[in-house]
């Protein structure tokens, strides 16, 4: 009966030592991040940030679409801003599925393209 107890004690000591090493490594990583002043977002925070930015972009595009339609009704206006609204929805879904970098690039390029096409194409 003494042998299994000794084995359990040795296993407990090994686990405790492993936990201490992991905790020390995490503390070192955290301390290094503080020294350089570098703060990174967690994946969950990054997803939420992209979702919020896409939602704000969607609301902004809807407002601009309404203003542009009030001044001149055009299929081109509906097409440009309609595609921008769809793009924002796609970016929200990409962010929900964890594809935040792809969503960020797609949102940035798409909104710049929508604003640029409004400036260039729509009189």
N, C-alpha and C. Protein backbone atom coordinates (compact mmCIF):
# COMPACT_ATOMS: atom_id res chain seq x y z
N UNK A 1 0.80 -1.19 0.00
CA UNK A 1 0.00 0.00 0.00
C UNK A 1 0.85 1.26 0.00
N UNK A 2 2.05 1.19 0.54
CA UNK A 2 2.89 2.37 0.62
C UNK A 2 3.41 2.78 -0.75
N UNK A 3 3.64 1.83 -1.65
CA UNK A 3 4.20 2.14 -2.96
C UNK A 3 3.27 3.03 -3.78
N UNK A 4 1.95 2.74 -3.88
CA UNK A 4 1.09 3.63 -4.66
C UNK A 4 1.02 5.04 -4.07
N UNK A 5 1.08 5.17 -2.77
CA UNK A 5 1.03 6.49 -2.16
C UNK A 5 2.29 7.27 -2.52
N UNK A 6 3.43 6.59 -2.52
CA UNK A 6 4.69 7.24 -2.88
C UNK A 6 4.67 7.68 -4.34
N UNK A 7 4.09 6.84 -5.23
CA UNK A 7 4.00 7.20 -6.63
C UNK A 7 3.09 8.41 -6.83
N UNK A 8 1.97 8.45 -6.09
CA UNK A 8 1.06 9.59 -6.20
C UNK A 8 1.73 10.87 -5.72
N UNK A 9 2.49 10.77 -4.66
CA UNK A 9 3.19 11.94 -4.13
C UNK A 9 4.22 12.44 -5.14
N UNK A 10 4.94 11.52 -5.77
CA UNK A 10 5.93 11.90 -6.78
C UNK A 10 5.25 12.55 -7.98
N UNK A 11 4.08 12.00 -8.39
CA UNK A 11 3.34 12.60 -9.51
C UNK A 11 2.85 13.99 -9.15
N UNK A 12 2.35 14.15 -7.92
CA UNK A 12 1.88 15.47 -7.48
C UNK A 12 3.02 16.48 -7.47
N UNK A 13 4.18 16.05 -7.01
CA UNK A 13 5.33 16.95 -6.96
C UNK A 13 5.76 17.34 -8.38
N UNK A 14 5.73 16.37 -9.31
CA UNK A 14 6.11 16.66 -10.69
C UNK A 14 5.12 17.63 -11.32
N UNK A 15 3.81 17.45 -11.06
CA UNK A 15 2.81 18.36 -11.60
C UNK A 15 2.98 19.77 -11.03
N UNK A 16 3.25 19.85 -9.74
CA UNK A 16 3.45 21.16 -9.11
C UNK A 16 4.66 21.86 -9.71
N UNK A 17 5.74 21.11 -9.95
CA UNK A 17 6.93 21.69 -10.53
C UNK A 17 6.64 22.18 -11.95
N UNK A 18 5.89 21.39 -12.73
CA UNK A 18 5.52 21.78 -14.08
C UNK A 18 4.67 23.03 -14.07
N UNK A 19 3.72 23.11 -13.15
CA UNK A 19 2.87 24.30 -13.04
C UNK A 19 3.70 25.53 -12.70
N UNK A 20 4.68 25.38 -11.82
CA UNK A 20 5.54 26.50 -11.46
C UNK A 20 6.33 27.00 -12.66
N UNK A 21 6.84 26.06 -13.46
CA UNK A 21 7.63 26.42 -14.64
C UNK A 21 6.74 27.15 -15.64
N UNK A 22 5.54 26.63 -15.87
CA UNK A 22 4.62 27.27 -16.81
C UNK A 22 4.24 28.66 -16.31
N UNK A 23 3.96 28.79 -15.04
CA UNK A 23 3.60 30.08 -14.47
C UNK A 23 4.76 31.06 -14.59
N UNK A 24 5.97 30.60 -14.34
CA UNK A 24 7.15 31.47 -14.47
C UNK A 24 7.35 31.91 -15.92
N UNK A 25 7.14 30.98 -16.87
CA UNK A 25 7.28 31.33 -18.28
C UNK A 25 6.26 32.39 -18.68
N UNK A 26 5.02 32.22 -18.22
CA UNK A 26 4.00 33.20 -18.53
C UNK A 26 4.32 34.55 -17.90
N UNK A 27 4.83 34.52 -16.68
CA UNK A 27 5.20 35.77 -16.01
C UNK A 27 6.34 36.46 -16.75
N UNK A 28 7.31 35.67 -17.26
CA UNK A 28 8.41 36.24 -18.02
C UNK A 28 7.91 36.86 -19.33
N UNK A 29 6.99 36.16 -20.01
CA UNK A 29 6.43 36.69 -21.25
C UNK A 29 5.68 37.99 -20.98
N UNK A 30 4.95 38.02 -19.89
CA UNK A 30 4.19 39.23 -19.56
C UNK A 30 5.13 40.37 -19.22
N UNK A 31 6.17 40.05 -18.49
CA UNK A 31 7.14 41.09 -18.12
C UNK A 31 7.86 41.63 -19.35
N UNK A 32 8.18 40.75 -20.30
CA UNK A 32 8.84 41.20 -21.52
C UNK A 32 7.92 42.12 -22.32
N UNK A 33 6.63 41.80 -22.36
CA UNK A 33 5.68 42.64 -23.08
C UNK A 33 5.55 44.01 -22.44
N UNK A 34 5.68 44.07 -21.12
CA UNK A 34 5.59 45.35 -20.43
C UNK A 34 6.82 46.21 -20.71
N UNK A 35 7.99 45.59 -20.78
CA UNK A 35 9.22 46.34 -21.01
C UNK A 35 9.21 47.03 -22.37
N UNK A 36 8.73 46.33 -23.39
CA UNK A 36 8.74 46.89 -24.73
C UNK A 36 7.55 47.79 -24.98
N UNK A 37 6.56 47.75 -24.10
CA UNK A 37 5.38 48.57 -24.28
C UNK A 37 4.43 47.99 -25.32
N UNK A 38 4.65 46.76 -25.73
CA UNK A 38 3.84 46.12 -26.75
C UNK A 38 2.63 45.45 -26.10
N UNK A 39 1.45 45.83 -26.55
CA UNK A 39 0.24 45.20 -26.05
C UNK A 39 -0.49 44.63 -27.25
N UNK A 40 -0.86 43.40 -27.17
CA UNK A 40 -1.54 42.75 -28.27
C UNK A 40 -2.95 42.40 -27.85
N UNK A 41 -3.84 42.39 -28.83
CA UNK A 41 -5.22 42.01 -28.57
C UNK A 41 -5.32 40.49 -28.53
N UNK A 42 -6.20 40.01 -27.70
CA UNK A 42 -6.49 38.58 -27.72
C UNK A 42 -7.33 38.30 -28.96
N UNK A 43 -7.39 37.07 -29.41
CA UNK A 43 -8.22 36.77 -30.59
C UNK A 43 -9.68 37.17 -30.40
N UNK A 44 -10.21 36.99 -29.22
CA UNK A 44 -11.60 37.37 -28.97
C UNK A 44 -11.77 38.89 -29.09
N UNK A 45 -10.82 39.65 -28.54
CA UNK A 45 -10.91 41.11 -28.64
C UNK A 45 -10.77 41.56 -30.09
N UNK A 46 -9.90 40.91 -30.84
CA UNK A 46 -9.72 41.26 -32.25
C UNK A 46 -11.00 41.00 -33.04
N UNK A 47 -11.64 39.85 -32.78
CA UNK A 47 -12.90 39.56 -33.46
C UNK A 47 -13.96 40.59 -33.13
N UNK A 48 -14.08 40.92 -31.86
CA UNK A 48 -15.09 41.91 -31.46
C UNK A 48 -14.80 43.28 -32.05
N UNK A 49 -13.53 43.66 -32.10
CA UNK A 49 -13.17 44.94 -32.68
C UNK A 49 -13.55 45.00 -34.16
N UNK A 50 -13.25 43.94 -34.91
CA UNK A 50 -13.60 43.90 -36.33
C UNK A 50 -15.10 43.92 -36.53
N UNK A 51 -15.84 43.23 -35.67
CA UNK A 51 -17.30 43.23 -35.78
C UNK A 51 -17.85 44.63 -35.52
N UNK A 52 -17.32 45.31 -34.51
CA UNK A 52 -17.77 46.67 -34.21
C UNK A 52 -17.42 47.61 -35.35
N UNK A 53 -16.19 47.52 -35.87
CA UNK A 53 -15.80 48.38 -36.99
C UNK A 53 -16.64 48.12 -38.23
N UNK A 54 -16.95 46.87 -38.50
CA UNK A 54 -17.79 46.54 -39.65
C UNK A 54 -19.21 47.06 -39.46
N UNK A 55 -19.70 46.96 -38.24
CA UNK A 55 -21.05 47.46 -37.96
C UNK A 55 -21.11 48.98 -38.11
N UNK A 56 -20.09 49.67 -37.62
CA UNK A 56 -20.03 51.12 -37.78
C UNK A 56 -19.93 51.48 -39.26
N UNK A 57 -19.12 50.75 -40.00
CA UNK A 57 -19.02 50.98 -41.45
C UNK A 57 -20.34 50.73 -42.15
N UNK A 58 -21.06 49.71 -41.72
CA UNK A 58 -22.35 49.40 -42.33
C UNK A 58 -23.35 50.54 -42.09
N UNK A 59 -23.37 51.05 -40.86
CA UNK A 59 -24.28 52.16 -40.54
C UNK A 59 -23.88 53.41 -41.33
N UNK A 60 -22.59 53.67 -41.42
CA UNK A 60 -22.13 54.84 -42.18
C UNK A 60 -22.49 54.72 -43.66
N UNK A 61 -22.31 53.54 -44.24
CA UNK A 61 -22.66 53.36 -45.64
C UNK A 61 -24.16 53.48 -45.86
N UNK A 62 -24.97 53.03 -44.92
CA UNK A 62 -26.42 53.16 -45.04
C UNK A 62 -26.83 54.64 -44.98
N UNK A 63 -26.20 55.41 -44.10
CA UNK A 63 -26.50 56.84 -44.01
C UNK A 63 -26.10 57.56 -45.29
N UNK A 64 -24.91 57.27 -45.79
CA UNK A 64 -24.44 57.90 -47.03
C UNK A 64 -25.34 57.48 -48.19
N UNK A 65 -25.75 56.23 -48.23
CA UNK A 65 -26.65 55.77 -49.28
C UNK A 65 -27.96 56.56 -49.24
N UNK A 66 -28.50 56.74 -48.05
CA UNK A 66 -29.74 57.52 -47.93
C UNK A 66 -29.55 58.96 -48.38
N UNK A 67 -28.44 59.57 -48.00
CA UNK A 67 -28.18 60.96 -48.40
C UNK A 67 -27.97 61.08 -49.91
N UNK A 68 -27.24 60.12 -50.48
CA UNK A 68 -26.98 60.16 -51.93
C UNK A 68 -28.26 59.92 -52.72
N UNK A 69 -29.13 59.03 -52.23
CA UNK A 69 -30.39 58.78 -52.93
C UNK A 69 -31.33 59.97 -52.82
N UNK A 70 -31.24 60.72 -51.72
CA UNK A 70 -32.07 61.92 -51.56
C UNK A 70 -31.65 63.00 -52.55
N UNK A 71 -30.35 63.09 -52.83
CA UNK A 71 -29.88 64.13 -53.75
C UNK A 71 -30.04 63.71 -55.21
N UNK A 72 -29.76 62.48 -55.54
CA UNK A 72 -29.96 61.99 -56.91
C UNK A 72 -30.15 60.47 -56.86
N UNK A 73 -31.26 60.05 -57.40
CA UNK A 73 -31.55 58.62 -57.45
C UNK A 73 -30.83 58.02 -58.65
N UNK A 74 -29.99 57.06 -58.39
CA UNK A 74 -29.22 56.44 -59.46
C UNK A 74 -28.98 54.97 -59.11
N UNK A 75 -29.02 54.15 -60.14
CA UNK A 75 -28.74 52.73 -59.95
C UNK A 75 -27.28 52.54 -59.54
N UNK A 76 -26.41 53.39 -60.05
CA UNK A 76 -24.99 53.31 -59.71
C UNK A 76 -24.76 53.59 -58.22
N UNK A 77 -25.50 54.56 -57.67
CA UNK A 77 -25.38 54.86 -56.24
C UNK A 77 -25.82 53.66 -55.41
N UNK A 78 -26.95 53.08 -55.79
CA UNK A 78 -27.45 51.90 -55.06
C UNK A 78 -26.47 50.75 -55.20
N UNK A 79 -25.90 50.58 -56.37
CA UNK A 79 -24.94 49.49 -56.60
C UNK A 79 -23.69 49.64 -55.76
N UNK A 80 -23.11 50.83 -55.77
CA UNK A 80 -21.85 51.05 -55.04
C UNK A 80 -22.07 50.88 -53.54
N UNK A 81 -23.07 51.56 -53.00
CA UNK A 81 -23.27 51.50 -51.56
C UNK A 81 -23.94 50.20 -51.12
N UNK A 82 -24.70 49.60 -52.00
CA UNK A 82 -25.25 48.27 -51.71
C UNK A 82 -24.15 47.23 -51.58
N UNK A 83 -23.18 47.29 -52.49
CA UNK A 83 -22.04 46.37 -52.40
C UNK A 83 -21.21 46.64 -51.14
N UNK A 84 -21.08 47.91 -50.75
CA UNK A 84 -20.34 48.23 -49.53
C UNK A 84 -21.07 47.66 -48.30
N UNK A 85 -22.40 47.71 -48.31
CA UNK A 85 -23.18 47.13 -47.20
C UNK A 85 -23.01 45.61 -47.15
N UNK A 86 -23.06 44.98 -48.30
CA UNK A 86 -22.85 43.53 -48.36
C UNK A 86 -21.44 43.18 -47.88
N UNK A 87 -20.47 43.97 -48.30
CA UNK A 87 -19.09 43.75 -47.87
C UNK A 87 -18.96 43.81 -46.35
N UNK A 88 -19.59 44.80 -45.73
CA UNK A 88 -19.55 44.91 -44.26
C UNK A 88 -20.17 43.69 -43.60
N UNK A 89 -21.25 43.20 -44.17
CA UNK A 89 -21.88 41.98 -43.64
C UNK A 89 -20.97 40.76 -43.77
N UNK A 90 -20.27 40.67 -44.89
CA UNK A 90 -19.33 39.56 -45.10
C UNK A 90 -18.19 39.64 -44.09
N UNK A 91 -17.70 40.83 -43.84
CA UNK A 91 -16.61 41.01 -42.88
C UNK A 91 -17.07 40.63 -41.47
N UNK A 92 -18.30 40.96 -41.12
CA UNK A 92 -18.83 40.56 -39.81
C UNK A 92 -18.84 39.04 -39.70
N UNK A 93 -19.30 38.36 -40.73
CA UNK A 93 -19.32 36.89 -40.70
C UNK A 93 -17.91 36.31 -40.67
N UNK A 94 -17.00 36.88 -41.42
CA UNK A 94 -15.62 36.40 -41.37
C UNK A 94 -15.04 36.57 -39.97
N UNK A 95 -15.32 37.69 -39.34
CA UNK A 95 -14.81 37.93 -37.98
C UNK A 95 -15.42 36.97 -36.99
N UNK A 96 -16.69 36.67 -37.15
CA UNK A 96 -17.33 35.71 -36.24
C UNK A 96 -16.73 34.32 -36.38
N UNK A 97 -16.23 34.02 -37.57
CA UNK A 97 -15.63 32.70 -37.82
C UNK A 97 -14.13 32.69 -37.60
N UNK A 98 -13.57 33.78 -37.08
CA UNK A 98 -12.15 33.80 -36.73
C UNK A 98 -11.21 34.23 -37.82
N UNK A 99 -11.70 34.70 -38.93
CA UNK A 99 -10.84 35.14 -40.03
C UNK A 99 -10.67 36.65 -39.97
N UNK A 100 -10.06 37.13 -38.87
CA UNK A 100 -10.02 38.56 -38.60
C UNK A 100 -9.06 39.31 -39.52
N UNK A 101 -7.92 38.74 -39.84
CA UNK A 101 -6.98 39.45 -40.72
C UNK A 101 -7.55 39.60 -42.12
N UNK A 102 -8.13 38.53 -42.64
CA UNK A 102 -8.76 38.59 -43.95
C UNK A 102 -9.89 39.61 -43.93
N UNK A 103 -10.68 39.60 -42.87
CA UNK A 103 -11.78 40.55 -42.75
C UNK A 103 -11.29 41.98 -42.68
N UNK A 104 -10.19 42.21 -41.98
CA UNK A 104 -9.64 43.57 -41.87
C UNK A 104 -9.19 44.09 -43.23
N UNK A 105 -8.45 43.28 -43.95
CA UNK A 105 -7.99 43.70 -45.27
C UNK A 105 -9.17 43.91 -46.22
N UNK A 106 -10.12 43.01 -46.18
CA UNK A 106 -11.28 43.12 -47.05
C UNK A 106 -12.09 44.37 -46.73
N UNK A 107 -12.26 44.67 -45.45
CA UNK A 107 -12.99 45.87 -45.04
C UNK A 107 -12.27 47.13 -45.49
N UNK A 108 -10.98 47.20 -45.26
CA UNK A 108 -10.22 48.39 -45.62
C UNK A 108 -10.23 48.61 -47.14
N UNK A 109 -9.92 47.59 -47.89
CA UNK A 109 -9.86 47.71 -49.35
C UNK A 109 -11.25 47.99 -49.92
N UNK A 110 -12.26 47.31 -49.39
CA UNK A 110 -13.61 47.49 -49.90
C UNK A 110 -14.17 48.87 -49.63
N UNK A 111 -13.96 49.39 -48.43
CA UNK A 111 -14.48 50.73 -48.14
C UNK A 111 -13.73 51.81 -48.91
N UNK A 112 -12.44 51.65 -49.06
CA UNK A 112 -11.68 52.60 -49.89
C UNK A 112 -12.15 52.53 -51.34
N UNK A 113 -12.42 51.33 -51.84
CA UNK A 113 -12.91 51.18 -53.21
C UNK A 113 -14.30 51.80 -53.36
N UNK A 114 -15.17 51.63 -52.37
CA UNK A 114 -16.51 52.22 -52.45
C UNK A 114 -16.44 53.74 -52.45
N UNK A 115 -15.63 54.30 -51.58
CA UNK A 115 -15.50 55.76 -51.51
C UNK A 115 -14.83 56.28 -52.78
N UNK A 116 -13.81 55.57 -53.26
CA UNK A 116 -13.14 55.97 -54.49
C UNK A 116 -14.05 55.89 -55.70
N UNK A 117 -14.86 54.84 -55.80
CA UNK A 117 -15.78 54.73 -56.94
C UNK A 117 -16.88 55.78 -56.85
N UNK A 118 -17.29 56.14 -55.65
CA UNK A 118 -18.26 57.23 -55.49
C UNK A 118 -17.67 58.53 -56.00
N UNK A 119 -16.44 58.77 -55.66
CA UNK A 119 -15.77 60.01 -56.05
C UNK A 119 -15.50 60.05 -57.56
N UNK A 120 -15.10 58.90 -58.13
CA UNK A 120 -14.75 58.86 -59.54
C UNK A 120 -15.93 58.65 -60.47
N UNK A 121 -16.86 57.77 -60.11
CA UNK A 121 -17.90 57.34 -61.05
C UNK A 121 -19.21 58.11 -60.94
N UNK A 122 -19.58 58.48 -59.76
CA UNK A 122 -20.88 59.08 -59.56
C UNK A 122 -20.76 60.60 -59.64
N UNK A 123 -21.49 61.20 -60.60
CA UNK A 123 -21.39 62.64 -60.80
C UNK A 123 -21.99 63.45 -59.66
